[in-house]
C-alpha atoms as a PDB file:
ATOM      1  CA  MET A   1      24.188 -11.143  30.401  1.00  0.00           C
ATOM      2  CA  ASP A   2      26.894 -12.337  28.042  1.00  0.00           C
ATOM      3  CA  ALA A   3      27.817 -10.101  25.147  1.00  0.00           C
ATOM      4  CA  ALA A   4      27.148 -12.033  21.957  1.00  0.00           C
ATOM      5  CA  PRO A   5      28.975 -11.109  18.764  1.00  0.00           C
ATOM      6  CA  PRO A   6      26.929  -9.017  16.337  1.00  0.00           C
ATOM      7  CA  PRO A   7      25.199 -11.017  13.622  1.00  0.00           C
ATOM      8  CA  THR A   8      26.879 -11.209  10.258  1.00  0.00           C
ATOM      9  CA  SER A   9      25.185 -10.252   7.020  1.00  0.00           C
ATOM     10  CA  ASP A  10      25.189 -13.901   5.895  1.00  0.00           C
ATOM     11  CA  ASP A  11      21.780 -15.421   5.272  1.00  0.00           C
ATOM     12  CA  SER A  12      22.853 -18.664   6.983  1.00  0.00           C
ATOM     13  CA  PRO A  13      24.434 -17.794  10.348  1.00  0.00           C
ATOM     14  CA  LYS A  14      26.527 -20.333  12.203  1.00  0.00           C
ATOM     15  CA  GLU A  15      24.890 -22.443  14.895  1.00  0.00           C
ATOM     16  CA  GLY A  16      26.702 -20.636  17.733  1.00  0.00           C
ATOM     17  CA  THR A  17      25.650 -17.200  16.580  1.00  0.00           C
ATOM     18  CA  LYS A  18      22.126 -18.460  15.921  1.00  0.00           C
ATOM     19  CA  ALA A  19      21.747 -19.449  19.557  1.00  0.00           C
ATOM     20  CA  ALA A  20      23.310 -16.166  20.674  1.00  0.00           C
ATOM     21  CA  LEU A  21      21.069 -14.233  18.324  1.00  0.00           C
ATOM     22  CA  SER A  22      17.990 -15.991  19.659  1.00  0.00           C
ATOM     23  CA  GLY A  23      19.099 -15.191  23.179  1.00  0.00           C
ATOM     24  CA  ARG A  24      19.670 -11.617  22.162  1.00  0.00           C
ATOM     25  CA  ARG A  25      16.246 -11.480  20.490  1.00  0.00           C
ATOM     26  CA  ARG A  26      14.661 -12.794  23.646  1.00  0.00           C
ATOM     27  CA  ALA A  27      16.595 -10.220  25.637  1.00  0.00           C
ATOM     28  CA  LEU A  28      15.097  -7.453  23.526  1.00  0.00           C
ATOM     29  CA  PHE A  29      11.653  -8.212  24.866  1.00  0.00           C
ATOM     30  CA  GLU A  30      12.566  -8.937  28.467  1.00  0.00           C
ATOM     31  CA  PRO A  31      11.647  -6.245  30.959  1.00  0.00           C
ATOM     32  CA  LEU A  32      14.364  -3.729  31.642  1.00  0.00           C
ATOM     33  CA  GLU A  33      15.544  -3.020  35.163  1.00  0.00           C
ATOM     34  CA  PRO A  34      13.001  -1.096  37.188  1.00  0.00           C
ATOM     35  CA  THR A  35      13.766   2.565  37.646  1.00  0.00           C
ATOM     36  CA  LYS A  36      12.692   4.756  40.489  1.00  0.00           C
ATOM     37  CA  GLY A  37      10.423   7.580  39.519  1.00  0.00           C
ATOM     38  CA  TRP A  38       6.996   7.487  38.006  1.00  0.00           C
ATOM     39  CA  PHE A  39       4.428   4.956  39.170  1.00  0.00           C
ATOM     40  CA  GLY A  40       6.511   4.051  42.216  1.00  0.00           C
ATOM     41  CA  GLY A  41       9.336   2.535  40.148  1.00  0.00           C
ATOM     42  CA  ARG A  42       7.026   0.501  37.897  1.00  0.00           C
ATOM     43  CA  ARG A  43       7.222   0.821  34.124  1.00  0.00           C
ATOM     44  CA  THR A  44       4.238   0.936  31.845  1.00  0.00           C
ATOM     45  CA  SER A  45       3.663  -2.030  29.545  1.00  0.00           C
ATOM     46  CA  ALA A  46       4.932  -0.071  26.506  1.00  0.00           C
ATOM     47  CA  GLU A  47       8.163   0.846  28.276  1.00  0.00           C
ATOM     48  CA  VAL A  48       8.828  -2.773  29.198  1.00  0.00           C
ATOM     49  CA  LEU A  49       9.324  -3.751  25.540  1.00  0.00           C
ATOM     50  CA  LEU A  50      11.679  -0.896  24.674  1.00  0.00           C
ATOM     51  CA  PRO A  51      15.300  -1.705  23.915  1.00  0.00           C
ATOM     52  CA  PRO A  52      17.854   0.384  25.799  1.00  0.00           C
ATOM     53  CA  PRO A  53      18.707   3.720  24.139  1.00  0.00           C
ATOM     54  CA  ASP A  54      22.325   2.722  23.582  1.00  0.00           C
ATOM     55  CA  PHE A  55      21.397  -0.525  21.823  1.00  0.00           C
ATOM     56  CA  ASP A  56      23.859  -1.220  19.009  1.00  0.00           C
ATOM     57  CA  SER A  57      22.138  -0.977  15.612  1.00  0.00           C
ATOM     58  CA  THR A  58      24.514  -3.528  14.070  1.00  0.00           C
ATOM     59  CA  SER A  59      23.111  -6.187  16.355  1.00  0.00           C
ATOM     60  CA  TYR A  60      19.494  -5.771  15.199  1.00  0.00           C
ATOM     61  CA  PRO A  61      18.050  -8.925  13.671  1.00  0.00           C
ATOM     62  CA  LYS A  62      18.007  -8.889   9.872  1.00  0.00           C
ATOM     63  CA  GLY A  63      14.890  -7.177   8.523  1.00  0.00           C
ATOM     64  CA  TRP A  64      14.244  -5.223  11.722  1.00  0.00           C
ATOM     65  CA  LEU A  65      14.851  -1.585  12.584  1.00  0.00           C
ATOM     66  CA  VAL A  66      14.127   0.811  15.403  1.00  0.00           C
ATOM     67  CA  GLY A  67      10.873   2.671  14.876  1.00  0.00           C
ATOM     68  CA  LYS A  68       9.053   5.274  16.912  1.00  0.00           C
ATOM     69  CA  LYS A  69       9.598   5.160  20.669  1.00  0.00           C
ATOM     70  CA  ARG A  70      12.656   2.930  20.085  1.00  0.00           C
ATOM     71  CA  LYS A  71      10.501  -0.123  19.351  1.00  0.00           C
ATOM     72  CA  LEU A  72      11.841  -2.740  16.996  1.00  0.00           C
ATOM     73  CA  VAL A  73       9.685  -3.090  13.902  1.00  0.00           C
ATOM     74  CA  ASN A  74       9.849  -5.496  11.011  1.00  0.00           C
ATOM     75  CA  VAL A  75      10.779  -3.766   7.747  1.00  0.00           C
ATOM     76  CA  ASP A  76       8.433  -5.981   5.720  1.00  0.00           C
ATOM     77  CA  VAL A  77       5.536  -5.160   8.034  1.00  0.00           C
ATOM     78  CA  VAL A  78       6.265  -1.444   7.785  1.00  0.00           C
ATOM     79  CA  GLU A  79       6.476  -1.634   3.982  1.00  0.00           C
ATOM     80  CA  SER A  80       3.243  -3.618   3.830  1.00  0.00           C
ATOM     81  CA  MET A  81       1.511  -1.074   6.046  1.00  0.00           C
ATOM     82  CA  ARG A  82       2.872   1.751   3.884  1.00  0.00           C
ATOM     83  CA  ARG A  83       1.583   0.015   0.738  1.00  0.00           C
ATOM     84  CA  ILE A  84      -1.843  -0.463   2.318  1.00  0.00           C
ATOM     85  CA  ALA A  85      -1.921   3.204   3.368  1.00  0.00           C
ATOM     86  CA  VAL A  86      -1.010   4.333  -0.167  1.00  0.00           C
ATOM     87  CA  GLN A  87      -3.719   2.089  -1.650  1.00  0.00           C
ATOM     88  CA  GLU A  88      -6.237   3.482   0.815  1.00  0.00           C
ATOM     89  CA  MET A  89      -5.231   7.063  -0.016  1.00  0.00           C
ATOM     90  CA  ASN A  90      -5.571   6.307  -3.742  1.00  0.00           C
ATOM     91  CA  ARG A  91      -8.999   4.777  -3.143  1.00  0.00           C
ATOM     92  CA  LYS A  92     -10.054   7.836  -1.175  1.00  0.00           C
ATOM     93  CA  ASP A  93      -8.712  10.096  -3.956  1.00  0.00           C
ATOM     94  CA  ARG A  94     -10.771   8.184  -6.540  1.00  0.00           C
ATOM     95  CA  GLU A  95     -13.810   8.441  -4.291  1.00  0.00           C
ATOM     96  CA  ILE A  96     -13.261  12.182  -3.882  1.00  0.00           C
ATOM     97  CA  ASP A  97     -12.839  12.579  -7.652  1.00  0.00           C
ATOM     98  CA  GLY A  98     -16.122  10.744  -8.204  1.00  0.00           C
ATOM     99  CA  LEU A  99     -17.852  12.950  -5.651  1.00  0.00           C
ATOM    100  CA  ASN A 100     -16.389  16.063  -7.297  1.00  0.00           C
ATOM    101  CA  GLU A 101     -17.720  14.929 -10.695  1.00  0.00           C
ATOM    102  CA  GLN A 102     -21.136  14.321  -9.145  1.00  0.00           C
ATOM    103  CA  LEU A 103     -20.981  17.739  -7.504  1.00  0.00           C
ATOM    104  CA  GLU A 104     -20.160  19.395 -10.848  1.00  0.00           C
ATOM    105  CA  GLU A 105     -23.059  17.545 -12.516  1.00  0.00           C
ATOM    106  CA  ASP A 106     -25.366  18.627  -9.691  1.00  0.00           C
ATOM    107  CA  ALA A 107     -24.146  22.218 -10.080  1.00  0.00           C
ATOM    108  CA  ARG A 108     -24.933  22.136 -13.831  1.00  0.00           C
ATOM    109  CA  CYS A 109     -28.375  20.687 -13.097  1.00  0.00           C
ATOM    110  CA  LEU A 110     -29.012  23.339 -10.443  1.00  0.00           C
ATOM    111  CA  GLU A 111     -27.970  26.099 -12.832  1.00  0.00           C
ATOM    112  CA  HIS A 112     -30.341  24.703 -15.482  1.00  0.00           C
ATOM    113  CA  LEU A 113     -33.170  24.565 -12.945  1.00  0.00           C
ATOM    114  CA  GLN A 114     -32.462  28.148 -11.872  1.00  0.00           C
ATOM    115  CA  VAL A 115     -32.691  29.297 -15.510  1.00  0.00           C
ATOM    116  CA  GLN A 116     -35.979  27.428 -15.888  1.00  0.00           C
ATOM    117  CA  LEU A 117     -37.262  29.001 -12.668  1.00  0.00           C
ATOM    118  CA  LEU A 118     -36.424  32.490 -13.947  1.00  0.00           C
ATOM    119  CA  GLN A 119     -38.217  31.726 -17.232  1.00  0.00           C
ATOM    120  CA  GLU A 120     -41.266  30.451 -15.386  1.00  0.00           C
ATOM    121  CA  ARG A 121     -41.289  33.523 -13.140  1.00  0.00           C
ATOM    122  CA  SER A 122     -41.114  35.845 -16.142  1.00  0.00           C
ATOM    123  CA  LYS A 123     -43.951  33.894 -17.814  1.00  0.00           C
ATOM    124  CA  ARG A 124     -45.975  34.158 -14.621  1.00  0.00           C
ATOM    125  CA  THR A 125     -45.489  37.917 -14.343  1.00  0.00           C
ATOM    126  CA  GLU A 126     -46.454  38.271 -18.021  1.00  0.00           C
ATOM    127  CA  VAL A 127     -49.611  36.204 -17.484  1.00  0.00           C
ATOM    128  CA  GLU A 128     -50.459  38.216 -14.351  1.00  0.00           C
ATOM    129  CA  ARG A 129     -49.959  41.436 -16.309  1.00  0.00           C
ATOM    130  CA  GLU A 130     -52.260  40.152 -19.082  1.00  0.00           C
ATOM    131  CA  ASN A 131     -54.828  39.052 -16.491  1.00  0.00           C
ATOM    132  CA  ALA A 132     -54.755  42.475 -14.858  1.00  0.00           C
ATOM    133  CA  MET A 133     -55.212  44.118 -18.272  1.00  0.00           C
ATOM    134  CA  LEU A 134     -58.113  41.780 -19.100  1.00  0.00           C
ATOM    135  CA  GLN A 135     -59.708  42.467 -15.685  1.00  0.00           C
ATOM    136  CA  ASP A 136     -59.482  46.206 -16.416  1.00  0.00           C
ATOM    137  CA  GLN A 137     -61.084  45.672 -19.825  1.00  0.00           C
ATOM    138  CA  ILE A 138     -63.833  43.519 -18.281  1.00  0.00           C
ATOM    139  CA  SER A 139     -64.562  46.091 -15.595  1.00  0.00           C
ATOM    140  CA  MET A 140     -64.594  48.857 -18.255  1.00  0.00           C
ATOM    141  CA  LEU A 141     -67.004  46.843 -20.423  1.00  0.00           C
ATOM    142  CA  MET A 142     -69.180  46.070 -17.406  1.00  0.00           C
ATOM    143  CA  ASN A 143     -69.311  49.792 -16.585  1.00  0.00           C
ATOM    144  CA  MET A 144     -70.247  50.571 -20.188  1.00  0.00           C
ATOM    145  CA  LEU A 145     -72.959  47.877 -20.098  1.00  0.00           C
ATOM    146  CA  GLU A 146     -74.358  49.249 -16.847  1.00  0.00           C
ATOM    147  CA  GLU A 147     -74.380  52.774 -18.301  1.00  0.00           C
ATOM    148  CA  THR A 148     -76.221  51.622 -21.412  1.00  0.00           C
ATOM    149  CA  THR A 149     -78.741  49.633 -19.395  1.00  0.00           C
ATOM    150  CA  GLN A 150     -79.315  52.662 -17.158  1.00  0.00           C
ATOM    151  CA  ALA A 151     -79.700  54.888 -20.204  1.00  0.00           C
ATOM    152  CA  VAL A 152     -82.195  52.473 -21.731  1.00  0.00           C
ATOM    153  CA  GLU A 153     -84.158  52.312 -18.491  1.00  0.00           C
ATOM    154  CA  GLU A 154     -84.276  56.115 -18.194  1.00  0.00           C
ATOM    155  CA  GLU A 155     -85.608  56.583 -21.737  1.00  0.00           C
ATOM    156  CA  PRO A 156     -89.376  56.963 -21.931  1.00  0.00           C
ATOM    157  CA  MET A 157     -91.187  53.967 -23.236  1.00  0.00           C
ATOM    158  CA  ASP A 158     -93.257  56.075 -25.505  1.00  0.00           C
ATOM    159  CA  ALA A 159     -90.340  57.283 -27.556  1.00  0.00           C
ATOM    160  CA  PRO A 160     -90.072  55.823 -31.008  1.00  0.00           C
ATOM    161  CA  LEU A 161     -87.273  53.388 -31.587  1.00  0.00           C
ATOM    162  CA  ASN A 162     -86.226  54.969 -34.890  1.00  0.00           C
ATOM    163  CA  PRO A 163     -85.845  58.737 -34.859  1.00  0.00           C
END
C-alpha cells in the first residue's frame, strides 16, 4: 500500500490528496492481515474494522477520532449521543423529582390518616368503656328490679298497702 501524505487542516484539500485520503479511508475499513491464534487465525467481525495500533493520529479524517477499542468514531456523532444522554438523564431527574414530590405528598397523607386512625381508636375505646359501664348499670338495675319483684311476691297479700 502506498503511503499517502497526511491530510492538511485545509477545508478544501487538493484533488491528489482527496483521492489519497479516500483510499486511506477505504483502507481503514479493509480487513487486516489474518493472524494465527484464536479461532484458527480468523478475526472476529469487530476486529476486522479496527485500525492498526500504530495508526498515525495526524492522518485521521477531519472530524474523526479513535474511540474505544481503537474504532474510528465521528466527533459529531459522539457529541450528539452525549447530548441525547444528557437530555435523557435530565428527563429522568425530572421524573424522579416528580416521584419524590408524590412520595412526600403520600407520606403526609399517610401521616394524617394515621392520626385519624388513632383518634378513631381512642373514640372506640371510650365508647366501649361507656358501653361496659352502661351494661353494668343495666345489670345492677335488673338485679334491683328482680329483688323488688321477689320481695313483692313474698309479701302476704293480706297485708295493708299503707302501714
